[in-house]
Amino acid sequence: MRAVSIIFFILLPTLAMARPEPPALEGRDLKGQQVSLAALKGSVVVVSFWATWCVPCKKELKILNKLLKEKQALRAIAISVDGPETAADVRATVKRYRWTMPIIHDKDGSISSVHNPRSSVPYIIFIDREGKVAYTQAGFSQAEQKKFIKRINKLLSEELTNK
């Protein structure tokens, strides 16, 4: 029994570090195209929950949009959580900031209820190349910007183990 306990405690850190599979995420972007997290497996994906009235969200998406142009294996899905009172502003905001990633407007909250149940904005999910959640981040500030970029770079440097 003692040997089993010792083995358990040796393996515990490894088990604790296993990355979970995210629930399915799919929807139609503002252009009507089908967007699916599963279709992006093999790339590092950043899923960002944002709102038109959220200043930190816009800062985070501006940086993400720049990184998407620089880093070939990086993909993103931005999920707008705007309600009926600001829904009309979603397209105008995307156009104004020239964001290139697919934008899904989660009008009914069905995506947020599964992936962002606290309804935080910005709320960021970092998905590794194997399609597993590596990190999550609520909020975005100057201090968190460095951590945001560092996490993306770390995930981009990881090799795909299931080739």
Protein backbone atom coordinates (compact mmCIF):
# COMPACT_ATOMS: atom_id res chain seq x y z
CA MET A 1 0.00 0.00 0.00
CA ARG A 2 2.85 2.37 0.81
CA ALA A 3 4.38 1.86 -2.66
CA VAL A 4 1.06 2.77 -4.26
CA SER A 5 0.90 5.96 -2.20
CA ILE A 6 4.42 6.93 -3.19
CA ILE A 7 3.70 6.32 -6.88
CA PHE A 8 0.48 8.33 -6.59
CA PHE A 9 2.32 11.33 -5.14
CA ILE A 10 5.02 11.09 -7.80
CA LEU A 11 2.40 11.05 -10.57
CA LEU A 12 0.09 13.63 -8.96
CA PRO A 13 1.89 16.70 -10.40
CA THR A 14 1.75 15.13 -13.87
CA LEU A 15 -1.95 14.37 -13.52
CA ALA A 16 -2.68 17.85 -12.19
CA MET A 17 -0.97 19.43 -15.19
CA ALA A 18 -3.06 17.59 -17.78
CA ARG A 19 -4.89 20.09 -19.94
CA PRO A 20 -8.65 19.67 -20.27
CA GLU A 21 -10.60 19.43 -23.50
CA PRO A 22 -12.88 22.44 -23.94
CA PRO A 23 -16.55 21.92 -24.71
CA ALA A 24 -17.49 22.26 -28.37
CA LEU A 25 -17.55 25.83 -29.59
CA GLU A 26 -19.13 26.73 -32.89
CA GLY A 27 -21.26 29.41 -34.42
CA ARG A 28 -21.61 31.75 -37.36
CA ASP A 29 -19.38 34.78 -37.67
CA LEU A 30 -20.57 38.23 -38.74
CA LYS A 31 -20.11 37.21 -42.39
CA GLY A 32 -22.33 34.15 -41.94
CA GLN A 33 -19.43 31.67 -42.13
CA GLN A 34 -19.39 28.64 -39.84
CA VAL A 35 -16.67 28.90 -37.17
CA SER A 36 -15.60 25.91 -35.10
CA LEU A 37 -12.91 25.49 -32.48
CA ALA A 38 -12.48 21.85 -33.53
CA ALA A 39 -11.58 22.94 -37.09
CA LEU A 40 -8.62 24.90 -35.72
CA LYS A 41 -6.93 21.95 -34.00
CA GLY A 42 -3.22 21.96 -34.83
CA SER A 43 -3.00 25.73 -34.32
CA VAL A 44 -2.72 27.75 -31.14
CA VAL A 45 -6.10 29.41 -30.66
CA VAL A 46 -7.08 32.37 -28.53
CA VAL A 47 -10.79 32.63 -27.76
CA SER A 48 -11.64 36.11 -26.54
CA PHE A 49 -14.95 37.16 -24.99
CA TRP A 50 -15.50 40.88 -25.41
CA ALA A 51 -18.10 43.65 -25.57
CA THR A 52 -18.26 46.91 -27.52
CA TRP A 53 -18.40 48.98 -24.32
CA CYS A 54 -15.33 47.26 -22.79
CA VAL A 55 -12.15 49.36 -23.18
CA PRO A 56 -9.74 46.61 -21.98
CA CYS A 57 -11.38 44.23 -24.48
CA LYS A 58 -10.55 46.54 -27.36
CA LYS A 59 -6.94 46.84 -26.20
CA GLU A 60 -6.60 43.06 -25.95
CA LEU A 61 -8.15 42.47 -29.38
CA LYS A 62 -5.94 45.15 -30.94
CA ILE A 63 -2.84 43.31 -29.69
CA LEU A 64 -4.29 39.93 -30.68
CA ASN A 65 -5.06 41.20 -34.19
CA LYS A 66 -1.44 42.39 -34.54
CA LEU A 67 -0.12 39.01 -33.33
CA LEU A 68 -2.35 37.18 -35.83
CA LYS A 69 -0.59 39.03 -38.64
CA GLU A 70 2.87 38.16 -37.24
CA LYS A 71 2.44 34.55 -36.12
CA GLN A 72 1.41 32.07 -38.77
CA ALA A 73 0.27 29.23 -36.46
CA LEU A 74 -1.92 31.52 -34.32
CA ARG A 75 -5.69 31.65 -34.76
CA ALA A 76 -8.40 33.45 -32.84
CA ILE A 77 -12.13 33.54 -32.34
CA ALA A 78 -13.65 36.64 -30.75
CA ILE A 79 -17.03 36.21 -29.08
CA SER A 80 -19.09 39.36 -28.64
CA VAL A 81 -21.31 39.21 -25.57
CA ASP A 82 -23.18 42.40 -26.41
CA GLY A 83 -26.83 42.36 -25.47
CA PRO A 84 -29.72 43.87 -27.42
CA GLU A 85 -28.94 47.44 -26.32
CA THR A 86 -25.45 47.38 -27.93
CA ALA A 87 -25.86 44.66 -30.58
CA ALA A 88 -25.96 47.20 -33.39
CA ASP A 89 -22.49 48.42 -32.38
CA VAL A 90 -20.73 45.06 -32.91
CA ARG A 91 -20.23 45.31 -36.68
CA ALA A 92 -19.26 48.97 -36.50
CA THR A 93 -16.67 48.27 -33.79
CA VAL A 94 -15.13 45.38 -35.75
CA LYS A 95 -14.95 47.52 -38.87
CA ARG A 96 -13.54 50.53 -37.02
CA TYR A 97 -10.69 48.52 -35.47
CA ARG A 98 -10.16 46.36 -38.60
CA TRP A 99 -10.11 43.11 -36.65
CA THR A 100 -9.43 40.18 -38.96
CA MET A 101 -10.33 37.23 -36.73
CA PRO A 102 -13.78 35.63 -36.96
CA ILE A 103 -16.26 37.43 -34.71
CA ILE A 104 -19.24 35.53 -33.36
CA HIS A 105 -22.03 37.57 -31.77
CA ASP A 106 -23.32 35.39 -28.95
CA LYS A 107 -26.75 37.04 -28.95
CA ASP A 108 -28.48 34.40 -26.86
CA GLY A 109 -25.54 33.75 -24.51
CA SER A 110 -25.37 30.05 -25.39
CA ILE A 111 -21.60 30.09 -26.00
CA SER A 112 -20.83 32.24 -22.97
CA SER A 113 -22.92 30.09 -20.65
CA VAL A 114 -20.65 27.13 -21.42
CA HIS A 115 -17.24 28.78 -21.93
CA ASN A 116 -17.51 31.95 -19.83
CA PRO A 117 -20.14 31.25 -17.15
CA ARG A 118 -19.06 34.21 -14.99
CA SER A 119 -19.69 36.51 -17.97
CA SER A 120 -16.31 38.21 -17.53
CA VAL A 121 -15.01 40.57 -20.19
CA PRO A 122 -12.45 40.40 -21.39
CA TYR A 123 -12.17 36.69 -20.77
CA ILE A 124 -9.53 34.82 -22.72
CA ILE A 125 -9.07 31.10 -23.28
CA PHE A 126 -5.73 29.91 -24.63
CA ILE A 127 -5.99 26.62 -26.55
CA ASP A 128 -2.88 24.59 -27.39
CA ARG A 129 -2.19 22.88 -30.73
CA GLU A 130 -3.83 19.69 -29.47
CA GLY A 131 -7.08 21.53 -28.86
CA LYS A 132 -6.80 21.62 -25.06
CA VAL A 133 -7.21 24.53 -22.66
CA ALA A 134 -3.76 25.65 -21.54
CA TYR A 135 -4.69 28.88 -19.73
CA THR A 136 -7.56 31.22 -19.03
CA GLN A 137 -7.35 34.89 -18.18
CA ALA A 138 -10.03 37.23 -16.85
CA GLY A 139 -9.34 40.89 -17.46
CA PHE A 140 -6.66 42.69 -19.42
CA SER A 141 -4.33 45.42 -18.22
CA GLN A 142 -0.88 46.75 -19.05
CA ALA A 143 0.63 44.23 -16.60
CA GLU A 144 -1.38 41.34 -18.07
CA GLN A 145 -0.38 42.27 -21.62
CA LYS A 146 3.11 40.80 -21.14
CA LYS A 147 1.66 37.61 -19.66
CA PHE A 148 -0.80 37.41 -22.57
CA ILE A 149 1.99 37.59 -25.19
CA LYS A 150 4.24 35.26 -23.19
CA ARG A 151 1.50 32.61 -23.00
CA ILE A 152 0.90 32.77 -26.74
CA ASN A 153 4.62 32.48 -27.50
CA LYS A 154 4.99 29.56 -25.10
CA LEU A 155 2.12 27.69 -26.74
CA LEU A 156 3.49 28.43 -30.21
CA SER A 157 6.85 26.95 -29.16
CA GLU A 158 5.28 23.68 -27.97
CA GLU A 159 5.38 20.72 -30.33
CA LEU A 160 2.26 18.83 -31.32
CA THR A 161 2.57 15.45 -29.59
CA ASN A 162 -0.22 13.62 -31.48
CA LYS A 163 1.00 13.94 -35.04
